[in-house]
Amino acid sequence: QVQLVESGGGLVQAGGSLRLSCAASGSIFRFSAMGWYRQAPGKQRELVAGLTSGGRTNYADSVKGRFTISRDNAKNTVYLQMNSLKPEDTAVYYCAAATPGVWPGYDYWGQGTQVTISS
């Protein structure tokens, strides 16, 4: 059973930074991709950033140049570095993992971590 545990959320002022972490149970090499989604109140869940096993990344237009997804294979952890945060980045952020054959969909999800940006 795959478990993804997010951490690092919190409350910061606009312009600040946060780094989210997603620790996976077991090796992340088994996943075709890992990603970060977010869901704001009253809105649909959206993909924020993705990282394939081959190292290819993709970002939502709204976060390009501000957010960076990365991984530490030795720690089985994926990160989302978020800089120049804006109030509209406020959401619950979810880590996701895709097993082979499922990507570009994702079939495993973390429980989410709240990110709140004050103006």
C-alpha atoms as a PDB file:
ATOM      1  CA  GLN A   1       0.000   0.000   0.000  1.00  0.00           C
ATOM      2  CA  VAL A   2       1.389   3.373  -1.021  1.00  0.00           C
ATOM      3  CA  GLN A   3       1.322   6.174   1.493  1.00  0.00           C
ATOM      4  CA  LEU A   4       2.094   9.778   0.699  1.00  0.00           C
ATOM      5  CA  VAL A   5       2.508  12.183   3.598  1.00  0.00           C
ATOM      6  CA  GLU A   6       2.683  15.913   2.980  1.00  0.00           C
ATOM      7  CA  SER A   7       4.174  18.469   5.319  1.00  0.00           C
ATOM      8  CA  GLY A   8       5.350  22.057   5.264  1.00  0.00           C
ATOM      9  CA  GLY A   9       2.107  23.933   4.856  1.00  0.00           C
ATOM     10  CA  GLY A  10       1.264  26.959   6.925  1.00  0.00           C
ATOM     11  CA  LEU A  11       0.400  30.626   6.998  1.00  0.00           C
ATOM     12  CA  VAL A  12       2.741  33.139   5.375  1.00  0.00           C
ATOM     13  CA  GLN A  13       2.481  36.678   4.126  1.00  0.00           C
ATOM     14  CA  ALA A  14       2.290  37.493   0.453  1.00  0.00           C
ATOM     15  CA  GLY A  15       5.743  37.538  -1.078  1.00  0.00           C
ATOM     16  CA  GLY A  16       6.993  34.850   1.262  1.00  0.00           C
ATOM     17  CA  SER A  17       8.111  31.299   0.626  1.00  0.00           C
ATOM     18  CA  LEU A  18       7.208  27.801   1.713  1.00  0.00           C
ATOM     19  CA  ARG A  19       8.592  24.392   0.904  1.00  0.00           C
ATOM     20  CA  LEU A  20       6.215  21.466   0.870  1.00  0.00           C
ATOM     21  CA  SER A  21       7.480  17.932   1.281  1.00  0.00           C
ATOM     22  CA  CYS A  22       5.885  14.652   0.287  1.00  0.00           C
ATOM     23  CA  ALA A  23       7.355  11.528   1.816  1.00  0.00           C
ATOM     24  CA  ALA A  24       6.454   8.281   0.110  1.00  0.00           C
ATOM     25  CA  SER A  25       6.391   4.867   1.710  1.00  0.00           C
ATOM     26  CA  GLY A  26       8.977   2.998  -0.277  1.00  0.00           C
ATOM     27  CA  SER A  27      10.927   3.927  -3.358  1.00  0.00           C
ATOM     28  CA  ILE A  28       9.638   6.669  -5.619  1.00  0.00           C
ATOM     29  CA  PHE A  29      11.430   5.019  -8.544  1.00  0.00           C
ATOM     30  CA  ARG A  30       8.356   2.825  -9.031  1.00  0.00           C
ATOM     31  CA  PHE A  31       6.250   5.824 -10.026  1.00  0.00           C
ATOM     32  CA  SER A  32       6.049   7.158 -13.562  1.00  0.00           C
ATOM     33  CA  ALA A  33       5.498  10.613 -12.159  1.00  0.00           C
ATOM     34  CA  MET A  34       4.805  12.546  -9.019  1.00  0.00           C
ATOM     35  CA  GLY A  35       2.980  15.789  -8.765  1.00  0.00           C
ATOM     36  CA  TRP A  36       1.419  18.472  -6.652  1.00  0.00           C
ATOM     37  CA  TYR A  37      -2.195  19.505  -6.957  1.00  0.00           C
ATOM     38  CA  ARG A  38      -4.132  22.145  -5.093  1.00  0.00           C
ATOM     39  CA  GLN A  39      -7.745  22.856  -4.360  1.00  0.00           C
ATOM     40  CA  ALA A  40      -9.043  26.198  -3.214  1.00  0.00           C
ATOM     41  CA  PRO A  41     -12.496  26.587  -1.627  1.00  0.00           C
ATOM     42  CA  GLY A  42     -15.203  26.388  -4.244  1.00  0.00           C
ATOM     43  CA  LYS A  43     -12.767  25.477  -7.012  1.00  0.00           C
ATOM     44  CA  GLN A  44     -11.752  22.306  -8.759  1.00  0.00           C
ATOM     45  CA  ARG A  45      -8.532  20.550  -7.949  1.00  0.00           C
ATOM     46  CA  GLU A  46      -5.802  21.647 -10.329  1.00  0.00           C
ATOM     47  CA  LEU A  47      -2.361  20.385 -11.203  1.00  0.00           C
ATOM     48  CA  VAL A  48       0.317  22.726  -9.916  1.00  0.00           C
ATOM     49  CA  ALA A  49       3.473  20.863 -10.897  1.00  0.00           C
ATOM     50  CA  GLY A  50       4.504  17.448 -12.157  1.00  0.00           C
ATOM     51  CA  LEU A  51       7.785  15.583 -12.340  1.00  0.00           C
ATOM     52  CA  THR A  52       8.264  12.442 -14.391  1.00  0.00           C
ATOM     53  CA  SER A  53      10.670   9.656 -13.556  1.00  0.00           C
ATOM     54  CA  GLY A  54      12.753  10.881 -16.484  1.00  0.00           C
ATOM     55  CA  GLY A  55      13.067  14.311 -14.928  1.00  0.00           C
ATOM     56  CA  ARG A  56      10.628  16.200 -17.108  1.00  0.00           C
ATOM     57  CA  THR A  57       8.658  18.889 -15.320  1.00  0.00           C
ATOM     58  CA  ASN A  58       5.483  20.774 -16.071  1.00  0.00           C
ATOM     59  CA  TYR A  59       3.848  23.647 -14.243  1.00  0.00           C
ATOM     60  CA  ALA A  60       0.567  25.456 -14.206  1.00  0.00           C
ATOM     61  CA  ASP A  61       0.900  28.805 -15.945  1.00  0.00           C
ATOM     62  CA  SER A  62      -0.063  30.571 -12.730  1.00  0.00           C
ATOM     63  CA  VAL A  63       3.000  29.257 -10.871  1.00  0.00           C
ATOM     64  CA  LYS A  64       5.674  29.194 -13.576  1.00  0.00           C
ATOM     65  CA  GLY A  65       8.780  30.999 -12.444  1.00  0.00           C
ATOM     66  CA  ARG A  66       7.680  30.919  -8.798  1.00  0.00           C
ATOM     67  CA  PHE A  67       7.321  27.224  -7.925  1.00  0.00           C
ATOM     68  CA  THR A  68       9.838  24.427  -8.390  1.00  0.00           C
ATOM     69  CA  ILE A  69       9.217  20.712  -8.055  1.00  0.00           C
ATOM     70  CA  SER A  70      12.121  18.451  -7.191  1.00  0.00           C
ATOM     71  CA  ARG A  71      12.849  15.096  -5.642  1.00  0.00           C
ATOM     72  CA  ASP A  72      15.345  13.367  -3.388  1.00  0.00           C
ATOM     73  CA  ASN A  73      15.402   9.733  -4.431  1.00  0.00           C
ATOM     74  CA  ALA A  74      17.451   8.696  -1.414  1.00  0.00           C
ATOM     75  CA  LYS A  75      14.771  10.094   0.901  1.00  0.00           C
ATOM     76  CA  ASN A  76      11.823   8.986  -1.249  1.00  0.00           C
ATOM     77  CA  THR A  77      10.614  12.559  -1.029  1.00  0.00           C
ATOM     78  CA  VAL A  78       9.271  15.093  -3.490  1.00  0.00           C
ATOM     79  CA  TYR A  79       9.344  18.805  -2.780  1.00  0.00           C
ATOM     80  CA  LEU A  80       7.517  21.877  -3.944  1.00  0.00           C
ATOM     81  CA  GLN A  81       9.435  25.082  -3.379  1.00  0.00           C
ATOM     82  CA  MET A  82       7.031  27.984  -3.510  1.00  0.00           C
ATOM     83  CA  ASN A  83       8.378  31.531  -3.761  1.00  0.00           C
ATOM     84  CA  SER A  84       6.753  34.919  -4.249  1.00  0.00           C
ATOM     85  CA  LEU A  85       3.545  33.558  -2.819  1.00  0.00           C
ATOM     86  CA  LYS A  86       0.272  35.307  -3.552  1.00  0.00           C
ATOM     87  CA  PRO A  87      -3.078  35.223  -1.755  1.00  0.00           C
ATOM     88  CA  GLU A  88      -4.496  33.301  -4.725  1.00  0.00           C
ATOM     89  CA  ASP A  89      -2.086  30.464  -3.935  1.00  0.00           C
ATOM     90  CA  THR A  90      -4.146  29.744  -0.838  1.00  0.00           C
ATOM     91  CA  ALA A  91      -5.407  26.173  -1.068  1.00  0.00           C
ATOM     92  CA  VAL A  92      -5.021  22.670   0.221  1.00  0.00           C
ATOM     93  CA  TYR A  93      -2.033  21.155  -1.540  1.00  0.00           C
ATOM     94  CA  TYR A  94      -1.995  17.454  -2.339  1.00  0.00           C
ATOM     95  CA  CYS A  95       0.865  15.215  -3.311  1.00  0.00           C
ATOM     96  CA  ALA A  96       0.106  12.602  -5.962  1.00  0.00           C
ATOM     97  CA  ALA A  97       1.877   9.645  -7.501  1.00  0.00           C
ATOM     98  CA  ALA A  98       1.270   7.817 -10.756  1.00  0.00           C
ATOM     99  CA  THR A  99       2.032   4.151 -11.249  1.00  0.00           C
ATOM    100  CA  PRO A 100       3.045   2.920 -14.697  1.00  0.00           C
ATOM    101  CA  GLY A 101       0.084   2.770 -17.029  1.00  0.00           C
ATOM    102  CA  VAL A 102      -1.896   5.351 -15.085  1.00  0.00           C
ATOM    103  CA  TRP A 103       0.120   8.497 -15.847  1.00  0.00           C
ATOM    104  CA  PRO A 104      -0.732  11.168 -16.968  1.00  0.00           C
ATOM    105  CA  GLY A 105      -3.372  10.386 -14.393  1.00  0.00           C
ATOM    106  CA  TYR A 106      -2.488   9.886 -10.753  1.00  0.00           C
ATOM    107  CA  ASP A 107      -3.695   7.041  -8.608  1.00  0.00           C
ATOM    108  CA  TYR A 108      -2.243   7.724  -5.178  1.00  0.00           C
ATOM    109  CA  TRP A 109      -2.894  10.805  -3.089  1.00  0.00           C
ATOM    110  CA  GLY A 110      -1.754  12.296   0.160  1.00  0.00           C
ATOM    111  CA  GLN A 111      -4.072  13.740   2.759  1.00  0.00           C
ATOM    112  CA  GLY A 112      -3.275  17.337   1.874  1.00  0.00           C
ATOM    113  CA  THR A 113      -1.625  20.248   3.632  1.00  0.00           C
ATOM    114  CA  GLN A 114      -3.133  23.706   4.025  1.00  0.00           C
ATOM    115  CA  VAL A 115      -1.326  26.693   2.588  1.00  0.00           C
ATOM    116  CA  THR A 116      -2.688  30.116   3.476  1.00  0.00           C
ATOM    117  CA  ILE A 117      -1.246  33.332   2.106  1.00  0.00           C
ATOM    118  CA  SER A 118      -2.231  36.568   3.789  1.00  0.00           C
ATOM    119  CA  SER A 119      -2.253  39.863   1.925  1.00  0.00           C
END
